[in-house]
């Protein structure tokens, strides 16, 4: 199965798929792709689900990317949260990650079949050091802090 097929097979995501990184709109500058041809599509999960789940701690974006290493066929999903970064923001990001995993299990099981990574990208100054307790707490919840930019 392909990322695009999984999105099209998920009723609550109908019409959300965008080509390339277009779903990131003004936030696209936070994500750099060395080979844009590997991007299979993107979706703005937050905006797509906002009307139906206005009070939920929704995750921002999903980006599909072809795996280009020898011997690997398929795609990976990058779940990207673009958010200010300080120690006070760690728990809200963890809450969003927990929400995303539960939402995927309940509503988009086909997307759970892909290798994936949850990544937090900072919108401003970075106040979280890689060796900090906050970074370790994020890692324990499967979230990687990328700093100011994510390179795919």
N, C-alpha and C. Protein backbone atom coordinates (compact mmCIF):
# COMPACT_ATOMS: atom_id res chain seq x y z
N UNK A 1 0.84 -1.18 0.00
CA UNK A 1 0.00 0.00 0.00
C UNK A 1 0.88 1.24 0.00
N UNK A 2 0.39 2.28 -0.62
CA UNK A 2 1.10 3.55 -0.70
C UNK A 2 0.46 4.56 0.25
N UNK A 3 1.25 5.55 0.63
CA UNK A 3 0.78 6.62 1.50
C UNK A 3 -0.48 7.27 0.93
N UNK A 4 -0.46 7.57 -0.35
CA UNK A 4 -1.61 8.23 -0.97
C UNK A 4 -2.86 7.35 -0.90
N UNK A 5 -2.69 6.05 -1.10
CA UNK A 5 -3.83 5.13 -1.02
C UNK A 5 -4.38 5.05 0.40
N UNK A 6 -3.50 5.05 1.37
CA UNK A 6 -3.94 5.00 2.77
C UNK A 6 -4.71 6.27 3.13
N UNK A 7 -4.27 7.41 2.65
CA UNK A 7 -4.98 8.67 2.91
C UNK A 7 -6.36 8.61 2.25
N UNK A 8 -6.40 8.20 0.99
CA UNK A 8 -7.68 8.13 0.27
C UNK A 8 -8.63 7.10 0.87
N UNK A 9 -8.12 6.13 1.59
CA UNK A 9 -8.94 5.09 2.21
C UNK A 9 -9.41 5.48 3.62
N UNK A 10 -9.04 6.64 4.06
CA UNK A 10 -9.41 7.11 5.40
C UNK A 10 -10.49 8.18 5.25
N UNK A 11 -11.75 7.85 5.59
CA UNK A 11 -12.85 8.79 5.36
C UNK A 11 -12.63 10.19 5.91
N UNK A 12 -12.10 10.32 7.10
CA UNK A 12 -11.94 11.65 7.68
C UNK A 12 -10.82 12.46 7.03
N UNK A 13 -10.04 11.85 6.14
CA UNK A 13 -8.95 12.55 5.46
C UNK A 13 -9.23 12.78 3.98
N UNK A 14 -10.43 12.47 3.54
CA UNK A 14 -10.79 12.68 2.13
C UNK A 14 -10.55 14.14 1.73
N UNK A 15 -9.83 14.32 0.65
CA UNK A 15 -9.55 15.66 0.14
C UNK A 15 -8.40 16.37 0.84
N UNK A 16 -7.76 15.74 1.81
CA UNK A 16 -6.69 16.40 2.56
C UNK A 16 -5.32 16.26 1.92
N UNK A 17 -5.14 15.30 1.05
CA UNK A 17 -3.82 15.03 0.47
C UNK A 17 -3.40 16.16 -0.47
N UNK A 18 -2.17 16.63 -0.31
CA UNK A 18 -1.59 17.65 -1.17
C UNK A 18 -0.31 17.08 -1.80
N UNK A 19 0.06 17.59 -2.94
CA UNK A 19 1.30 17.13 -3.56
C UNK A 19 2.50 17.77 -2.85
N UNK A 20 3.62 17.08 -2.89
CA UNK A 20 4.83 17.59 -2.27
C UNK A 20 4.61 18.00 -0.83
N UNK A 21 5.15 19.15 -0.45
CA UNK A 21 4.99 19.67 0.90
C UNK A 21 3.95 20.78 0.97
N UNK A 22 3.06 20.83 -0.01
CA UNK A 22 2.08 21.92 -0.10
C UNK A 22 1.17 22.04 1.11
N UNK A 23 0.88 20.94 1.79
CA UNK A 23 -0.01 21.00 2.94
C UNK A 23 0.60 21.80 4.09
N UNK A 24 1.93 21.96 4.10
CA UNK A 24 2.58 22.71 5.16
C UNK A 24 2.45 24.22 4.97
N UNK A 25 2.02 24.64 3.82
CA UNK A 25 1.79 26.05 3.48
C UNK A 25 2.92 26.95 4.00
N UNK A 26 2.60 27.91 4.85
CA UNK A 26 3.60 28.87 5.33
C UNK A 26 4.65 28.21 6.22
N UNK A 27 4.41 27.01 6.70
CA UNK A 27 5.38 26.31 7.53
C UNK A 27 6.34 25.45 6.72
N UNK A 28 6.24 25.48 5.41
CA UNK A 28 7.09 24.62 4.59
C UNK A 28 8.56 24.96 4.71
N UNK A 29 8.90 26.17 5.12
CA UNK A 29 10.29 26.55 5.29
C UNK A 29 10.99 25.84 6.44
N UNK A 30 10.21 25.22 7.32
CA UNK A 30 10.79 24.48 8.44
C UNK A 30 11.22 23.07 8.05
N UNK A 31 10.85 22.66 6.84
CA UNK A 31 11.17 21.31 6.37
C UNK A 31 11.89 21.41 5.04
N UNK A 32 13.05 20.77 4.96
CA UNK A 32 13.86 20.78 3.75
C UNK A 32 13.99 19.35 3.27
N UNK A 33 13.82 19.16 1.97
CA UNK A 33 13.98 17.83 1.40
C UNK A 33 15.09 17.88 0.35
N UNK A 34 16.12 17.09 0.57
CA UNK A 34 17.25 17.07 -0.37
C UNK A 34 16.86 16.53 -1.74
N UNK A 35 15.86 15.66 -1.79
CA UNK A 35 15.39 15.12 -3.06
C UNK A 35 13.86 15.20 -3.08
N UNK A 36 13.31 16.33 -3.51
CA UNK A 36 11.86 16.53 -3.48
C UNK A 36 11.05 15.46 -4.22
N UNK A 37 11.68 14.77 -5.14
CA UNK A 37 10.95 13.71 -5.87
C UNK A 37 10.57 12.54 -4.97
N UNK A 38 11.21 12.44 -3.81
CA UNK A 38 10.89 11.35 -2.90
C UNK A 38 9.63 11.62 -2.08
N UNK A 39 9.16 12.87 -2.06
CA UNK A 39 7.96 13.21 -1.29
C UNK A 39 6.74 12.73 -2.07
N UNK A 40 5.93 11.90 -1.43
CA UNK A 40 4.76 11.33 -2.11
C UNK A 40 3.46 12.07 -1.77
N UNK A 41 3.54 13.03 -0.87
CA UNK A 41 2.37 13.83 -0.55
C UNK A 41 2.42 14.29 0.89
N UNK A 42 1.52 15.20 1.22
CA UNK A 42 1.45 15.73 2.58
C UNK A 42 0.01 16.04 2.94
N UNK A 43 -0.25 16.11 4.24
CA UNK A 43 -1.57 16.48 4.69
C UNK A 43 -1.47 17.35 5.94
N UNK A 44 -2.38 18.29 6.03
CA UNK A 44 -2.49 19.16 7.19
C UNK A 44 -3.54 18.52 8.09
N UNK A 45 -3.09 17.64 8.95
CA UNK A 45 -3.99 16.89 9.84
C UNK A 45 -4.74 17.84 10.77
N UNK A 46 -4.04 18.82 11.31
CA UNK A 46 -4.64 19.77 12.24
C UNK A 46 -5.84 20.48 11.62
N UNK A 47 -5.64 21.10 10.47
CA UNK A 47 -6.73 21.83 9.82
C UNK A 47 -7.86 20.91 9.35
N UNK A 48 -7.49 19.73 8.87
CA UNK A 48 -8.48 18.78 8.36
C UNK A 48 -9.44 18.33 9.46
N UNK A 49 -8.92 18.12 10.66
CA UNK A 49 -9.74 17.58 11.75
C UNK A 49 -10.25 18.64 12.72
N UNK A 50 -9.89 19.89 12.49
CA UNK A 50 -10.23 20.96 13.43
C UNK A 50 -11.73 21.10 13.68
N UNK A 51 -12.54 21.05 12.65
CA UNK A 51 -13.99 21.22 12.82
C UNK A 51 -14.61 20.06 13.59
N UNK A 52 -14.16 18.84 13.31
CA UNK A 52 -14.73 17.67 13.98
C UNK A 52 -14.18 17.46 15.38
N UNK A 53 -12.95 17.88 15.63
CA UNK A 53 -12.29 17.66 16.92
C UNK A 53 -11.67 18.96 17.43
N UNK A 54 -12.49 19.99 17.65
CA UNK A 54 -11.94 21.31 17.96
C UNK A 54 -11.16 21.39 19.27
N UNK A 55 -11.44 20.54 20.22
CA UNK A 55 -10.78 20.62 21.53
C UNK A 55 -9.67 19.59 21.72
N UNK A 56 -9.42 18.78 20.72
CA UNK A 56 -8.38 17.76 20.81
C UNK A 56 -7.00 18.37 20.56
N UNK A 57 -5.96 17.81 21.16
CA UNK A 57 -4.58 18.29 20.92
C UNK A 57 -4.03 17.70 19.62
N UNK A 58 -4.55 18.19 18.50
CA UNK A 58 -4.24 17.60 17.19
C UNK A 58 -2.78 17.83 16.79
N UNK A 59 -2.20 16.81 16.14
CA UNK A 59 -0.86 16.90 15.56
C UNK A 59 -0.97 17.69 14.27
N UNK A 60 0.12 18.34 13.83
CA UNK A 60 0.05 19.23 12.67
C UNK A 60 0.00 18.53 11.31
N UNK A 61 1.08 17.84 10.93
CA UNK A 61 1.23 17.39 9.54
C UNK A 61 1.69 15.95 9.42
N UNK A 62 1.38 15.36 8.28
CA UNK A 62 1.92 14.08 7.87
C UNK A 62 2.53 14.24 6.49
N UNK A 63 3.72 13.68 6.30
CA UNK A 63 4.40 13.75 5.00
C UNK A 63 4.86 12.35 4.62
N UNK A 64 4.48 11.91 3.43
CA UNK A 64 4.92 10.62 2.92
C UNK A 64 6.21 10.78 2.13
N UNK A 65 7.13 9.84 2.32
CA UNK A 65 8.39 9.89 1.58
C UNK A 65 8.81 8.49 1.18
N UNK A 66 9.19 8.35 -0.10
CA UNK A 66 9.71 7.08 -0.58
C UNK A 66 11.01 6.77 0.14
N UNK A 67 11.17 5.52 0.50
CA UNK A 67 12.43 5.06 1.07
C UNK A 67 13.37 4.80 -0.09
N UNK A 68 14.48 5.47 -0.13
CA UNK A 68 15.36 5.38 -1.27
C UNK A 68 16.62 4.59 -1.07
N UNK A 69 16.75 3.95 0.08
CA UNK A 69 17.96 3.18 0.33
C UNK A 69 17.87 1.84 -0.38
N UNK A 70 19.01 1.31 -0.82
CA UNK A 70 19.02 0.01 -1.51
C UNK A 70 18.36 -1.07 -0.66
N UNK A 71 17.55 -1.87 -1.30
CA UNK A 71 16.89 -2.97 -0.63
C UNK A 71 15.62 -2.59 0.10
N UNK A 72 15.26 -1.31 0.06
CA UNK A 72 14.04 -0.87 0.73
C UNK A 72 13.06 -0.34 -0.30
N UNK A 73 11.92 -0.92 -0.30
CA UNK A 73 10.82 -0.42 -1.13
C UNK A 73 9.74 0.01 -0.17
N UNK A 74 9.05 1.02 -0.52
CA UNK A 74 7.98 1.49 0.34
C UNK A 74 8.16 2.94 0.72
N UNK A 75 7.42 3.31 1.73
CA UNK A 75 7.39 4.71 2.15
C UNK A 75 7.45 4.82 3.66
N UNK A 76 7.83 5.99 4.09
CA UNK A 76 7.87 6.35 5.50
C UNK A 76 6.96 7.56 5.68
N UNK A 77 6.35 7.66 6.84
CA UNK A 77 5.56 8.84 7.15
C UNK A 77 6.29 9.65 8.21
N UNK A 78 6.48 10.90 7.93
CA UNK A 78 7.02 11.85 8.89
C UNK A 78 5.83 12.59 9.49
N UNK A 79 5.60 12.41 10.77
CA UNK A 79 4.56 13.15 11.47
C UNK A 79 5.26 14.36 12.09
N UNK A 80 4.92 15.54 11.61
CA UNK A 80 5.67 16.75 11.94
C UNK A 80 4.79 17.72 12.73
N UNK A 81 5.31 18.15 13.86
CA UNK A 81 4.65 19.17 14.68
C UNK A 81 5.55 20.41 14.66
N UNK A 82 5.01 21.53 14.21
CA UNK A 82 5.76 22.78 14.16
C UNK A 82 5.19 23.68 15.25
N UNK A 83 6.04 23.96 16.25
CA UNK A 83 5.55 24.55 17.49
C UNK A 83 6.70 25.25 18.22
N UNK A 84 6.40 26.31 19.00
CA UNK A 84 7.47 26.90 19.81
C UNK A 84 8.15 25.85 20.68
N UNK A 85 9.40 26.09 21.02
CA UNK A 85 10.16 25.08 21.76
C UNK A 85 10.78 25.64 23.03
N UNK A 86 10.16 25.33 24.14
CA UNK A 86 10.76 25.58 25.45
C UNK A 86 10.30 24.45 26.36
N UNK A 87 10.85 24.41 27.54
CA UNK A 87 10.51 23.32 28.44
C UNK A 87 9.02 23.31 28.78
N UNK A 88 8.36 24.46 28.73
CA UNK A 88 6.92 24.51 29.03
C UNK A 88 6.08 23.89 27.92
N UNK A 89 6.67 23.68 26.75
CA UNK A 89 5.93 23.11 25.63
C UNK A 89 6.09 21.59 25.51
N UNK A 90 6.91 21.00 26.33
CA UNK A 90 7.18 19.56 26.22
C UNK A 90 5.92 18.74 26.47
N UNK A 91 5.22 19.00 27.56
CA UNK A 91 4.02 18.19 27.86
C UNK A 91 2.94 18.34 26.80
N UNK A 92 2.65 19.55 26.30
CA UNK A 92 1.67 19.64 25.21
C UNK A 92 2.07 18.84 23.97
N UNK A 93 3.37 18.78 23.67
CA UNK A 93 3.82 17.99 22.52
C UNK A 93 3.62 16.50 22.79
N UNK A 94 3.91 16.08 24.00
CA UNK A 94 3.68 14.68 24.37
C UNK A 94 2.19 14.35 24.29
N UNK A 95 1.35 15.26 24.76
CA UNK A 95 -0.10 15.06 24.66
C UNK A 95 -0.54 14.92 23.20
N UNK A 96 0.05 15.74 22.33
CA UNK A 96 -0.27 15.66 20.91
C UNK A 96 0.19 14.32 20.32
N UNK A 97 1.36 13.86 20.73
CA UNK A 97 1.87 12.57 20.23
C UNK A 97 0.98 11.42 20.67
N UNK A 98 0.56 11.44 21.94
CA UNK A 98 -0.36 10.40 22.43
C UNK A 98 -1.67 10.45 21.68
N UNK A 99 -2.17 11.66 21.44
CA UNK A 99 -3.41 11.82 20.69
C UNK A 99 -3.25 11.26 19.28
N UNK A 100 -2.14 11.60 18.60
CA UNK A 100 -1.92 11.14 17.23
C UNK A 100 -1.93 9.62 17.16
N UNK A 101 -1.20 8.98 18.03
CA UNK A 101 -1.14 7.51 17.99
C UNK A 101 -2.52 6.90 18.20
N UNK A 102 -3.28 7.44 19.15
CA UNK A 102 -4.63 6.91 19.39
C UNK A 102 -5.55 7.19 18.22
N UNK A 103 -5.47 8.39 17.66
CA UNK A 103 -6.32 8.73 16.53
C UNK A 103 -6.01 7.82 15.34
N UNK A 104 -4.74 7.58 15.08
CA UNK A 104 -4.36 6.70 13.97
C UNK A 104 -4.90 5.29 14.18
N UNK A 105 -4.75 4.75 15.40
CA UNK A 105 -5.27 3.39 15.68
C UNK A 105 -6.78 3.32 15.47
N UNK A 106 -7.48 4.34 15.93
CA UNK A 106 -8.94 4.33 15.87
C UNK A 106 -9.52 4.71 14.51
N UNK A 107 -8.83 5.57 13.76
CA UNK A 107 -9.41 6.16 12.56
C UNK A 107 -8.65 5.93 11.27
N UNK A 108 -7.38 5.61 11.36
CA UNK A 108 -6.56 5.47 10.16
C UNK A 108 -5.58 4.31 10.30
N UNK A 109 -6.09 3.10 10.54
CA UNK A 109 -5.19 1.96 10.78
C UNK A 109 -4.23 1.68 9.63
N UNK A 110 -4.60 2.01 8.41
CA UNK A 110 -3.69 1.78 7.28
C UNK A 110 -2.43 2.63 7.40
N UNK A 111 -2.56 3.81 7.98
CA UNK A 111 -1.39 4.67 8.16
C UNK A 111 -0.45 4.13 9.25
N UNK A 112 -0.98 3.30 10.12
CA UNK A 112 -0.15 2.68 11.17
C UNK A 112 0.79 1.62 10.61
N UNK A 113 0.53 1.16 9.40
CA UNK A 113 1.33 0.09 8.80
C UNK A 113 2.67 0.59 8.24
N UNK A 114 2.83 1.89 8.13
CA UNK A 114 4.05 2.46 7.57
C UNK A 114 5.09 2.72 8.65
N UNK A 115 6.38 2.59 8.32
CA UNK A 115 7.38 3.09 9.25
C UNK A 115 7.14 4.59 9.40
N UNK A 116 7.34 5.11 10.58
CA UNK A 116 7.07 6.53 10.79
C UNK A 116 7.97 7.10 11.86
N UNK A 117 7.98 8.43 11.89
CA UNK A 117 8.74 9.14 12.90
C UNK A 117 7.96 10.39 13.29
N UNK A 118 7.86 10.64 14.59
CA UNK A 118 7.23 11.85 15.10
C UNK A 118 8.33 12.86 15.39
N UNK A 119 8.21 14.04 14.79
CA UNK A 119 9.26 15.04 14.90
C UNK A 119 8.67 16.39 15.27
N UNK A 120 9.28 17.03 16.24
CA UNK A 120 8.91 18.37 16.66
C UNK A 120 9.95 19.34 16.11
N UNK A 121 9.47 20.36 15.37
CA UNK A 121 10.33 21.38 14.80
C UNK A 121 9.98 22.71 15.47
N UNK A 122 10.99 23.43 15.91
CA UNK A 122 10.78 24.68 16.63
C UNK A 122 10.48 25.84 15.69
N UNK A 123 9.53 26.69 16.09
CA UNK A 123 9.20 27.88 15.30
C UNK A 123 10.04 29.08 15.67
N UNK A 124 10.79 28.99 16.70
CA UNK A 124 11.59 30.15 17.13
C UNK A 124 12.85 29.70 17.81
N UNK A 125 13.24 30.46 18.82
CA UNK A 125 14.44 30.11 19.56
C UNK A 125 14.28 28.74 20.20
N UNK A 126 15.36 28.01 20.25
CA UNK A 126 15.34 26.66 20.79
C UNK A 126 15.86 26.70 22.22
N UNK A 127 15.03 26.25 23.16
CA UNK A 127 15.41 26.25 24.56
C UNK A 127 15.53 24.85 25.13
N UNK A 128 15.59 23.85 24.27
CA UNK A 128 15.70 22.46 24.72
C UNK A 128 17.02 21.89 24.22
N UNK A 129 17.88 21.53 25.14
CA UNK A 129 19.17 20.95 24.79
C UNK A 129 19.01 19.44 24.57
N UNK A 130 19.80 18.90 23.68
CA UNK A 130 19.71 17.47 23.34
C UNK A 130 19.90 16.55 24.54
N UNK A 131 20.69 16.97 25.52
CA UNK A 131 20.95 16.11 26.68
C UNK A 131 20.07 16.45 27.89
N UNK A 132 19.08 17.30 27.69
CA UNK A 132 18.24 17.75 28.80
C UNK A 132 17.22 16.70 29.22
N UNK A 133 16.70 16.83 30.44
CA UNK A 133 15.62 15.94 30.88
C UNK A 133 14.40 16.03 29.96
N UNK A 134 14.14 17.23 29.43
CA UNK A 134 13.00 17.41 28.53
C UNK A 134 13.19 16.61 27.24
N UNK A 135 14.38 16.63 26.70
CA UNK A 135 14.68 15.86 25.48
C UNK A 135 14.54 14.36 25.75
N UNK A 136 15.00 13.93 26.92
CA UNK A 136 14.86 12.51 27.27
C UNK A 136 13.39 12.13 27.43
N UNK A 137 12.60 13.02 28.02
CA UNK A 137 11.17 12.75 28.19
C UNK A 137 10.48 12.64 26.83
N UNK A 138 10.83 13.52 25.91
CA UNK A 138 10.28 13.44 24.56
C UNK A 138 10.64 12.10 23.91
N UNK A 139 11.91 11.73 24.02
CA UNK A 139 12.39 10.48 23.43
C UNK A 139 11.66 9.28 24.02
N UNK A 140 11.39 9.32 25.31
CA UNK A 140 10.64 8.22 25.94
C UNK A 140 9.24 8.07 25.34
N UNK A 141 8.71 9.16 24.80
CA UNK A 141 7.39 9.13 24.18
C UNK A 141 7.47 9.05 22.66
N UNK A 142 8.67 8.77 22.14
CA UNK A 142 8.84 8.55 20.71
C UNK A 142 8.82 9.79 19.87
N UNK A 143 9.15 10.94 20.46
CA UNK A 143 9.18 12.20 19.71
C UNK A 143 10.63 12.67 19.62
N UNK A 144 11.04 12.96 18.41
CA UNK A 144 12.38 13.51 18.19
C UNK A 144 12.28 15.02 18.04
N UNK A 145 13.12 15.73 18.78
CA UNK A 145 13.17 17.18 18.66
C UNK A 145 14.21 17.53 17.61
N UNK A 146 13.78 18.18 16.53
CA UNK A 146 14.69 18.45 15.41
C UNK A 146 15.35 19.82 15.47
N UNK A 147 14.94 20.67 16.39
CA UNK A 147 15.46 22.03 16.40
C UNK A 147 14.67 22.90 15.43
N UNK A 148 15.36 23.81 14.74
CA UNK A 148 14.69 24.79 13.89
C UNK A 148 14.34 24.29 12.49
N UNK A 149 14.89 23.14 12.10
CA UNK A 149 14.63 22.68 10.73
C UNK A 149 14.74 21.17 10.67
N UNK A 150 13.86 20.56 9.90
CA UNK A 150 13.90 19.12 9.67
C UNK A 150 14.35 18.89 8.23
N UNK A 151 15.37 18.08 8.07
CA UNK A 151 15.83 17.70 6.74
C UNK A 151 15.40 16.28 6.46
N UNK A 152 14.65 16.10 5.40
CA UNK A 152 14.18 14.77 5.01
C UNK A 152 15.12 14.17 3.98
